[in-house]
C-alpha atoms as a PDB file:
ATOM      1  CA  MET A   1      28.421   6.975  26.924  1.00  0.00           C
ATOM      2  CA  SER A   2      25.115   8.297  25.575  1.00  0.00           C
ATOM      3  CA  VAL A   3      25.186   6.123  22.431  1.00  0.00           C
ATOM      4  CA  LEU A   4      25.680   2.410  23.068  1.00  0.00           C
ATOM      5  CA  TYR A   5      27.186   0.123  20.433  1.00  0.00           C
ATOM      6  CA  GLU A   6      26.403  -3.540  19.943  1.00  0.00           C
ATOM      7  CA  GLN A   7      27.184  -5.903  17.067  1.00  0.00           C
ATOM      8  CA  LYS A   8      25.222  -9.034  16.198  1.00  0.00           C
ATOM      9  CA  ASP A   9      26.787 -10.888  13.279  1.00  0.00           C
ATOM     10  CA  ASN A  10      26.786  -8.334  10.457  1.00  0.00           C
ATOM     11  CA  ILE A  11      24.365  -5.943  12.188  1.00  0.00           C
ATOM     12  CA  ALA A  12      25.476  -2.889  14.190  1.00  0.00           C
ATOM     13  CA  ILE A  13      22.978  -1.594  16.755  1.00  0.00           C
ATOM     14  CA  LEU A  14      23.342   1.995  17.972  1.00  0.00           C
ATOM     15  CA  SER A  15      21.157   2.842  20.977  1.00  0.00           C
ATOM     16  CA  LEU A  16      20.546   6.334  22.328  1.00  0.00           C
ATOM     17  CA  TYR A  17      20.833   6.250  26.092  1.00  0.00           C
ATOM     18  CA  ARG A  18      20.828   9.262  28.390  1.00  0.00           C
ATOM     19  CA  GLU A  19      19.587   8.292  31.794  1.00  0.00           C
ATOM     20  CA  ASN A  20      17.066  10.882  33.056  1.00  0.00           C
ATOM     21  CA  GLY A  21      17.688  12.904  29.886  1.00  0.00           C
ATOM     22  CA  TYR A  22      14.881  11.536  27.701  1.00  0.00           C
ATOM     23  CA  ASN A  23      17.663  10.690  25.241  1.00  0.00           C
ATOM     24  CA  ALA A  24      17.850  14.389  24.321  1.00  0.00           C
ATOM     25  CA  LEU A  25      20.290  15.124  21.523  1.00  0.00           C
ATOM     26  CA  ASN A  26      22.970  17.206  23.192  1.00  0.00           C
ATOM     27  CA  TYR A  27      26.266  17.917  21.444  1.00  0.00           C
ATOM     28  CA  GLU A  28      28.018  14.973  23.079  1.00  0.00           C
ATOM     29  CA  THR A  29      25.326  12.492  22.020  1.00  0.00           C
ATOM     30  CA  VAL A  30      25.327  13.719  18.424  1.00  0.00           C
ATOM     31  CA  SER A  31      29.135  13.556  18.349  1.00  0.00           C
ATOM     32  CA  GLN A  32      29.147   9.988  19.664  1.00  0.00           C
ATOM     33  CA  LEU A  33      26.571   8.951  17.083  1.00  0.00           C
ATOM     34  CA  TYR A  34      28.663  10.547  14.332  1.00  0.00           C
ATOM     35  CA  ASN A  35      31.848   8.810  15.476  1.00  0.00           C
ATOM     36  CA  HIS A  36      30.153   5.403  15.576  1.00  0.00           C
ATOM     37  CA  LEU A  37      28.756   5.884  12.072  1.00  0.00           C
ATOM     38  CA  ILE A  38      32.114   6.914  10.633  1.00  0.00           C
ATOM     39  CA  SER A  39      33.797   3.866  12.179  1.00  0.00           C
ATOM     40  CA  ILE A  40      31.088   1.617  10.708  1.00  0.00           C
ATOM     41  CA  TRP A  41      31.224   3.194   7.234  1.00  0.00           C
ATOM     42  CA  ASN A  42      34.227   1.188   5.971  1.00  0.00           C
ATOM     43  CA  ASN A  43      33.664  -1.886   8.130  1.00  0.00           C
ATOM     44  CA  LYS A  44      32.984  -4.603   5.573  1.00  0.00           C
ATOM     45  CA  GLU A  45      31.773  -6.935   8.322  1.00  0.00           C
ATOM     46  CA  ILE A  46      28.700  -4.744   8.816  1.00  0.00           C
ATOM     47  CA  ASN A  47      26.024  -4.291   6.174  1.00  0.00           C
ATOM     48  CA  ILE A  48      23.062  -3.219   8.331  1.00  0.00           C
ATOM     49  CA  VAL A  49      22.830  -0.517  10.998  1.00  0.00           C
ATOM     50  CA  ILE A  50      19.917  -0.238  13.420  1.00  0.00           C
ATOM     51  CA  ILE A  51      19.407   3.064  15.229  1.00  0.00           C
ATOM     52  CA  THR A  52      17.201   2.791  18.306  1.00  0.00           C
ATOM     53  CA  ALA A  53      17.035   3.867  21.949  1.00  0.00           C
ATOM     54  CA  LYS A  54      17.055   2.169  25.300  1.00  0.00           C
ATOM     55  CA  GLY A  55      13.791   1.991  27.187  1.00  0.00           C
ATOM     56  CA  GLU A  56      10.181   1.660  26.076  1.00  0.00           C
ATOM     57  CA  LYS A  57       8.782   5.191  26.261  1.00  0.00           C
ATOM     58  CA  VAL A  58      11.091   7.707  24.591  1.00  0.00           C
ATOM     59  CA  PHE A  59      13.191   7.421  21.444  1.00  0.00           C
ATOM     60  CA  THR A  60      14.413  10.979  21.863  1.00  0.00           C
ATOM     61  CA  ALA A  61      12.989  14.270  23.096  1.00  0.00           C
ATOM     62  CA  GLY A  62      14.946  16.060  20.346  1.00  0.00           C
ATOM     63  CA  ALA A  63      17.417  18.855  20.981  1.00  0.00           C
ATOM     64  CA  ASP A  64      18.554  19.380  24.559  1.00  0.00           C
ATOM     65  CA  LEU A  65      16.984  22.792  25.207  1.00  0.00           C
ATOM     66  CA  LYS A  66      18.665  23.121  28.596  1.00  0.00           C
ATOM     67  CA  GLU A  67      22.050  22.811  26.901  1.00  0.00           C
ATOM     68  CA  ARG A  68      20.971  25.022  24.002  1.00  0.00           C
ATOM     69  CA  ARG A  69      19.913  27.841  26.309  1.00  0.00           C
ATOM     70  CA  GLN A  70      23.444  28.024  27.708  1.00  0.00           C
ATOM     71  CA  MET A  71      25.102  28.140  24.271  1.00  0.00           C
ATOM     72  CA  ASN A  72      26.370  31.273  22.591  1.00  0.00           C
ATOM     73  CA  SER A  73      25.777  31.793  18.854  1.00  0.00           C
ATOM     74  CA  GLU A  74      29.100  30.199  17.918  1.00  0.00           C
ATOM     75  CA  GLN A  75      28.308  27.077  19.936  1.00  0.00           C
ATOM     76  CA  VAL A  76      24.816  26.863  18.420  1.00  0.00           C
ATOM     77  CA  ASN A  77      26.307  26.983  14.929  1.00  0.00           C
ATOM     78  CA  LEU A  78      28.819  24.285  15.857  1.00  0.00           C
ATOM     79  CA  TYR A  79      26.017  22.060  17.158  1.00  0.00           C
ATOM     80  CA  LEU A  80      23.900  22.609  14.050  1.00  0.00           C
ATOM     81  CA  SER A  81      26.830  21.805  11.779  1.00  0.00           C
ATOM     82  CA  LYS A  82      27.479  18.580  13.680  1.00  0.00           C
ATOM     83  CA  ILE A  83      23.868  17.376  13.657  1.00  0.00           C
ATOM     84  CA  ARG A  84      23.418  18.203   9.960  1.00  0.00           C
ATOM     85  CA  GLU A  85      26.656  16.439   9.101  1.00  0.00           C
ATOM     86  CA  THR A  86      25.637  13.402  11.182  1.00  0.00           C
ATOM     87  CA  TYR A  87      22.278  13.069   9.432  1.00  0.00           C
ATOM     88  CA  LYS A  88      23.905  13.398   6.021  1.00  0.00           C
ATOM     89  CA  VAL A  89      26.218  10.549   7.022  1.00  0.00           C
ATOM     90  CA  ILE A  90      23.187   8.431   8.000  1.00  0.00           C
ATOM     91  CA  GLU A  91      21.588   9.150   4.632  1.00  0.00           C
ATOM     92  CA  SER A  92      24.772   8.412   2.688  1.00  0.00           C
ATOM     93  CA  MET A  93      25.996   5.282   4.487  1.00  0.00           C
ATOM     94  CA  PRO A  94      26.754   2.344   2.165  1.00  0.00           C
ATOM     95  CA  GLN A  95      25.015   0.086   4.681  1.00  0.00           C
ATOM     96  CA  ALA A  96      21.228  -0.085   4.980  1.00  0.00           C
ATOM     97  CA  ILE A  97      20.015   1.929   7.994  1.00  0.00           C
ATOM     98  CA  ILE A  98      16.881   0.973   9.914  1.00  0.00           C
ATOM     99  CA  ALA A  99      15.316   3.236  12.548  1.00  0.00           C
ATOM    100  CA  ALA A 100      13.626   1.206  15.290  1.00  0.00           C
ATOM    101  CA  VAL A 101      11.536   3.762  17.175  1.00  0.00           C
ATOM    102  CA  ASN A 102      10.511   2.612  20.628  1.00  0.00           C
ATOM    103  CA  GLY A 103       8.486   5.634  21.775  1.00  0.00           C
ATOM    104  CA  ILE A 104       8.144   9.414  21.610  1.00  0.00           C
ATOM    105  CA  CYS A 105      10.199  10.888  18.770  1.00  0.00           C
ATOM    106  CA  VAL A 106      10.486  14.685  18.778  1.00  0.00           C
ATOM    107  CA  GLY A 107      12.155  17.288  16.569  1.00  0.00           C
ATOM    108  CA  GLY A 108      15.705  16.253  15.777  1.00  0.00           C
ATOM    109  CA  GLY A 109      14.716  12.654  16.442  1.00  0.00           C
ATOM    110  CA  THR A 110      12.129  12.745  13.652  1.00  0.00           C
ATOM    111  CA  GLU A 111      14.718  14.436  11.427  1.00  0.00           C
ATOM    112  CA  MET A 112      17.140  11.625  12.285  1.00  0.00           C
ATOM    113  CA  ILE A 113      14.809   8.814  11.278  1.00  0.00           C
ATOM    114  CA  LEU A 114      13.933  10.639   8.045  1.00  0.00           C
ATOM    115  CA  ALA A 115      17.582  10.171   7.057  1.00  0.00           C
ATOM    116  CA  CYS A 116      17.297   6.392   7.562  1.00  0.00           C
ATOM    117  CA  ASP A 117      16.362   3.935   4.816  1.00  0.00           C
ATOM    118  CA  LEU A 118      13.557   2.182   6.686  1.00  0.00           C
ATOM    119  CA  ARG A 119      11.555   3.220   9.734  1.00  0.00           C
ATOM    120  CA  ILE A 120       9.617   0.902  12.038  1.00  0.00           C
ATOM    121  CA  ALA A 121       7.913   1.886  15.268  1.00  0.00           C
ATOM    122  CA  ALA A 122       6.199   0.560  18.351  1.00  0.00           C
ATOM    123  CA  SER A 123       2.434   1.075  18.311  1.00  0.00           C
ATOM    124  CA  HIS A 124       2.642   3.698  21.071  1.00  0.00           C
ATOM    125  CA  ALA A 125       5.293   5.810  19.311  1.00  0.00           C
ATOM    126  CA  THR A 126       4.558   9.383  18.263  1.00  0.00           C
ATOM    127  CA  PHE A 127       6.379  11.699  15.875  1.00  0.00           C
ATOM    128  CA  SER A 128       6.584  15.479  15.788  1.00  0.00           C
ATOM    129  CA  LEU A 129       8.450  18.471  14.410  1.00  0.00           C
ATOM    130  CA  PRO A 130       7.396  21.170  16.907  1.00  0.00           C
ATOM    131  CA  GLU A 131      10.094  23.739  16.115  1.00  0.00           C
ATOM    132  CA  VAL A 132       7.666  26.493  15.035  1.00  0.00           C
ATOM    133  CA  LYS A 133       6.334  26.457  18.601  1.00  0.00           C
ATOM    134  CA  ILE A 134       9.724  27.548  19.911  1.00  0.00           C
ATOM    135  CA  GLY A 135      10.561  30.208  17.350  1.00  0.00           C
ATOM    136  CA  ILE A 136      12.564  28.248  14.764  1.00  0.00           C
ATOM    137  CA  ILE A 137      12.022  25.669  11.993  1.00  0.00           C
ATOM    138  CA  PRO A 138      13.337  22.118  11.621  1.00  0.00           C
ATOM    139  CA  GLY A 139      17.006  22.782  10.966  1.00  0.00           C
ATOM    140  CA  ALA A 140      18.589  19.363  10.433  1.00  0.00           C
ATOM    141  CA  GLY A 141      16.975  18.468   7.125  1.00  0.00           C
ATOM    142  CA  GLY A 142      13.387  18.162   8.316  1.00  0.00           C
ATOM    143  CA  THR A 143      11.803  20.586   5.853  1.00  0.00           C
ATOM    144  CA  GLN A 144      13.545  18.822   2.979  1.00  0.00           C
ATOM    145  CA  ARG A 145      13.399  15.123   3.819  1.00  0.00           C
ATOM    146  CA  LEU A 146       9.849  15.113   5.192  1.00  0.00           C
ATOM    147  CA  VAL A 147       8.427  16.408   1.898  1.00  0.00           C
ATOM    148  CA  ARG A 148      10.170  13.609   0.028  1.00  0.00           C
ATOM    149  CA  VAL A 149       8.906  10.957   2.428  1.00  0.00           C
ATOM    150  CA  VAL A 150       5.262  11.973   3.025  1.00  0.00           C
ATOM    151  CA  GLY A 151       4.535  14.563   0.335  1.00  0.00           C
ATOM    152  CA  LEU A 152       4.011  18.309   0.392  1.00  0.00           C
ATOM    153  CA  GLY A 153       0.596  18.463   2.082  1.00  0.00           C
ATOM    154  CA  ARG A 154       1.393  16.107   4.939  1.00  0.00           C
ATOM    155  CA  ALA A 155       4.771  17.776   5.482  1.00  0.00           C
ATOM    156  CA  LYS A 156       3.097  21.167   5.790  1.00  0.00           C
ATOM    157  CA  GLU A 157       0.550  19.738   8.205  1.00  0.00           C
ATOM    158  CA  MET A 158       3.207  18.319  10.516  1.00  0.00           C
ATOM    159  CA  ILE A 159       5.591  21.273  10.384  1.00  0.00           C
ATOM    160  CA  LEU A 160       3.103  24.174  10.473  1.00  0.00           C
ATOM    161  CA  THR A 161       0.963  22.749  13.288  1.00  0.00           C
ATOM    162  CA  GLY A 162       3.870  21.247  15.218  1.00  0.00           C
ATOM    163  CA  LYS A 163       1.461  18.593  16.464  1.00  0.00           C
ATOM    164  CA  PRO A 164       2.551  14.977  17.021  1.00  0.00           C
ATOM    165  CA  VAL A 165       1.181  12.161  14.881  1.00  0.00           C
ATOM    166  CA  THR A 166       0.527   8.672  16.173  1.00  0.00           C
ATOM    167  CA  ALA A 167       2.285   5.602  14.867  1.00  0.00           C
ATOM    168  CA  GLN A 168      -0.952   4.617  13.145  1.00  0.00           C
ATOM    169  CA  LYS A 169      -1.170   7.897  11.246  1.00  0.00           C
ATOM    170  CA  ALA A 170       2.578   7.853  10.595  1.00  0.00           C
ATOM    171  CA  GLU A 171       2.205   4.492   8.875  1.00  0.00           C
ATOM    172  CA  ARG A 172      -0.818   5.696   6.912  1.00  0.00           C
ATOM    173  CA  ILE A 173       1.002   8.738   5.498  1.00  0.00           C
ATOM    174  CA  GLY A 174       4.210   6.833   4.787  1.00  0.00           C
ATOM    175  CA  LEU A 175       6.372   8.304   7.526  1.00  0.00           C
ATOM    176  CA  ILE A 176       7.064   4.811   8.867  1.00  0.00           C
ATOM    177  CA  ASN A 177       7.099   1.473   7.063  1.00  0.00           C
ATOM    178  CA  GLU A 178       5.633  -0.740   9.762  1.00  0.00           C
ATOM    179  CA  ILE A 179       4.034  -0.699  13.206  1.00  0.00           C
ATOM    180  CA  ILE A 180       5.262  -3.316  15.647  1.00  0.00           C
ATOM    181  CA  GLU A 181       2.406  -4.510  17.831  1.00  0.00           C
ATOM    182  CA  ASP A 182       3.525  -7.698  19.495  1.00  0.00           C
ATOM    183  CA  LYS A 183       7.309  -7.686  19.759  1.00  0.00           C
ATOM    184  CA  ASN A 184      10.329  -5.541  20.524  1.00  0.00           C
ATOM    185  CA  VAL A 185      11.094  -3.097  17.708  1.00  0.00           C
ATOM    186  CA  VAL A 186      14.765  -4.067  17.693  1.00  0.00           C
ATOM    187  CA  ASP A 187      13.885  -7.748  17.309  1.00  0.00           C
ATOM    188  CA  ARG A 188      11.752  -6.871  14.295  1.00  0.00           C
ATOM    189  CA  ALA A 189      14.523  -4.669  12.887  1.00  0.00           C
ATOM    190  CA  ILE A 190      16.909  -7.609  13.183  1.00  0.00           C
ATOM    191  CA  GLU A 191      14.430  -9.802  11.283  1.00  0.00           C
ATOM    192  CA  ILE A 192      14.286  -7.234   8.475  1.00  0.00           C
ATOM    193  CA  SER A 193      18.076  -6.933   8.554  1.00  0.00           C
ATOM    194  CA  LYS A 194      18.472 -10.647   7.959  1.00  0.00           C
ATOM    195  CA  VAL A 195      16.250 -10.439   4.888  1.00  0.00           C
ATOM    196  CA  ILE A 196      18.254  -7.527   3.492  1.00  0.00           C
ATOM    197  CA  SER A 197      21.552  -9.260   4.334  1.00  0.00           C
ATOM    198  CA  LYS A 198      20.760 -12.109   1.953  1.00  0.00           C
ATOM    199  CA  ASN A 199      21.101  -9.715  -0.972  1.00  0.00           C
ATOM    200  CA  ALA A 200      24.319  -8.744  -2.763  1.00  0.00           C
ATOM    201  CA  PRO A 201      26.175  -6.045  -0.775  1.00  0.00           C
ATOM    202  CA  LEU A 202      27.350  -4.121  -3.831  1.00  0.00           C
ATOM    203  CA  SER A 203      23.850  -4.204  -5.294  1.00  0.00           C
ATOM    204  CA  LEU A 204      22.435  -2.796  -2.068  1.00  0.00           C
ATOM    205  CA  LYS A 205      24.997   0.002  -2.094  1.00  0.00           C
ATOM    206  CA  GLU A 206      24.360   0.889  -5.736  1.00  0.00           C
ATOM    207  CA  ALA A 207      20.593   0.683  -5.267  1.00  0.00           C
ATOM    208  CA  LYS A 208      20.727   3.138  -2.364  1.00  0.00           C
ATOM    209  CA  GLU A 209      22.823   5.569  -4.373  1.00  0.00           C
ATOM    210  CA  ALA A 210      20.477   5.385  -7.362  1.00  0.00           C
ATOM    211  CA  ILE A 211      17.395   5.934  -5.212  1.00  0.00           C
ATOM    212  CA  HIS A 212      18.964   8.902  -3.448  1.00  0.00           C
ATOM    213  CA  PHE A 213      20.012  10.418  -6.755  1.00  0.00           C
ATOM    214  CA  ALA A 214      16.434  10.234  -7.994  1.00  0.00           C
ATOM    215  CA  ALA A 215      14.971  11.667  -4.776  1.00  0.00           C
ATOM    216  CA  ASN A 216      17.536  14.362  -4.048  1.00  0.00           C
ATOM    217  CA  VAL A 217      17.998  16.314  -7.248  1.00  0.00           C
ATOM    218  CA  HIS A 218      18.903  19.860  -6.196  1.00  0.00           C
ATOM    219  CA  ASN A 219      19.162  18.526  -2.637  1.00  0.00           C
ATOM    220  CA  GLU A 220      21.936  20.865  -1.512  1.00  0.00           C
ATOM    221  CA  GLU A 221      20.021  23.948  -2.592  1.00  0.00           C
ATOM    222  CA  GLY A 222      17.162  22.919  -0.323  1.00  0.00           C
ATOM    223  CA  PHE A 223      19.422  22.304   2.664  1.00  0.00           C
ATOM    224  CA  LEU A 224      21.164  25.647   2.112  1.00  0.00           C
ATOM    225  CA  PHE A 225      17.816  27.442   2.019  1.00  0.00           C
ATOM    226  CA  GLU A 226      16.763  25.695   5.226  1.00  0.00           C
ATOM    227  CA  SER A 227      20.044  26.588   6.950  1.00  0.00           C
ATOM    228  CA  LYS A 228      19.703  30.283   6.108  1.00  0.00           C
ATOM    229  CA  SER A 229      16.092  30.331   7.291  1.00  0.00           C
ATOM    230  CA  TYR A 230      17.101  28.694  10.562  1.00  0.00           C
ATOM    231  CA  GLU A 231      19.972  31.116  11.085  1.00  0.00           C
ATOM    232  CA  ARG A 232      17.671  34.122  10.643  1.00  0.00           C
ATOM    233  CA  LEU A 233      15.368  32.785  13.350  1.00  0.00           C
ATOM    234  CA  VAL A 234      18.010  31.929  15.947  1.00  0.00           C
ATOM    235  CA  SER A 235      18.721  35.573  16.771  1.00  0.00           C
ATOM    236  CA  THR A 236      15.075  36.707  16.991  1.00  0.00           C
ATOM    237  CA  ARG A 237      13.450  37.891  20.191  1.00  0.00           C
ATOM    238  CA  ASP A 238      10.744  35.245  19.798  1.00  0.00           C
ATOM    239  CA  ARG A 239      13.365  32.482  19.809  1.00  0.00           C
ATOM    240  CA  GLN A 240      14.873  33.851  23.021  1.00  0.00           C
ATOM    241  CA  GLU A 241      11.386  34.106  24.506  1.00  0.00           C
ATOM    242  CA  ALA A 242      10.769  30.445  23.616  1.00  0.00           C
ATOM    243  CA  LEU A 243      13.889  29.346  25.497  1.00  0.00           C
ATOM    244  CA  GLU A 244      13.062  31.525  28.498  1.00  0.00           C
ATOM    245  CA  ALA A 245       9.492  30.213  28.596  1.00  0.00           C
ATOM    246  CA  PHE A 246      10.745  26.633  28.429  1.00  0.00           C
ATOM    247  CA  ASN A 247      13.137  27.242  31.284  1.00  0.00           C
ATOM    248  CA  GLU A 248      10.435  28.972  33.349  1.00  0.00           C
ATOM    249  CA  LYS A 249       7.806  26.306  32.498  1.00  0.00           C
ATOM    250  CA  ARG A 250       5.273  28.765  31.061  1.00  0.00           C
ATOM    251  CA  GLU A 251       3.617  29.492  27.739  1.00  0.00           C
ATOM    252  CA  PRO A 252       5.703  31.771  25.464  1.00  0.00           C
ATOM    253  CA  LYS A 253       4.452  35.238  24.540  1.00  0.00           C
ATOM    254  CA  TYR A 254       5.520  35.866  20.950  1.00  0.00           C
ATOM    255  CA  LEU A 255       5.813  39.369  19.488  1.00  0.00           C
ATOM    256  CA  GLY A 256       6.806  38.537  15.931  1.00  0.00           C
ATOM    257  CA  ILE A 257      10.258  40.091  16.288  1.00  0.00           C
END
């Protein structure tokens, strides 16, 4: 299992765990995460979900590029459909979702936490959307959700440079809600969960829906635009060069084709 499930009272904890895989988001991991979320959706015993990762260094390295390089176009499209669907489920869950980020959070990992309601992080965590460096763009909602969380200018800065931001900067720009200095991020997430759990469940559900409605007007149009942009890039020579360079551990040589 690459996603571990634990329940504490009315809190479900989902932990990414791929030993020696930097918790990379391969198809199997995304599928397991999706299945857990769907099973939780109608579980009235659970009103908070914490998404985290085992270990202290890496939340997730993002997409599994070794797996991706072996995929044909049909398999890539299947993977993208699954990860987009999974993140939409996270965003739409009736339960409150807290991301507890324990370390490096790359690409699809940053897109994942953007779909969560609250985001807390260890002080050594970093966040990045480096897709432009490998010939694509964030393709699981990153170009849409990041703008709504941090604003247009900061979103452009992160996406166009591809550079990671520290937890301290992430808190300053609103990407995360809180930095955890002196305790385990999951312990802090549980503390927050207990505060939220004291409130009326139906009110929490309705509040989430109202907030999302306000923030996501014309949401689907944005996601559709992003999907088409991503699809145009997947078949380019530069994208293939990025995968080959990654596999060969060298700098890519882009030609703009």
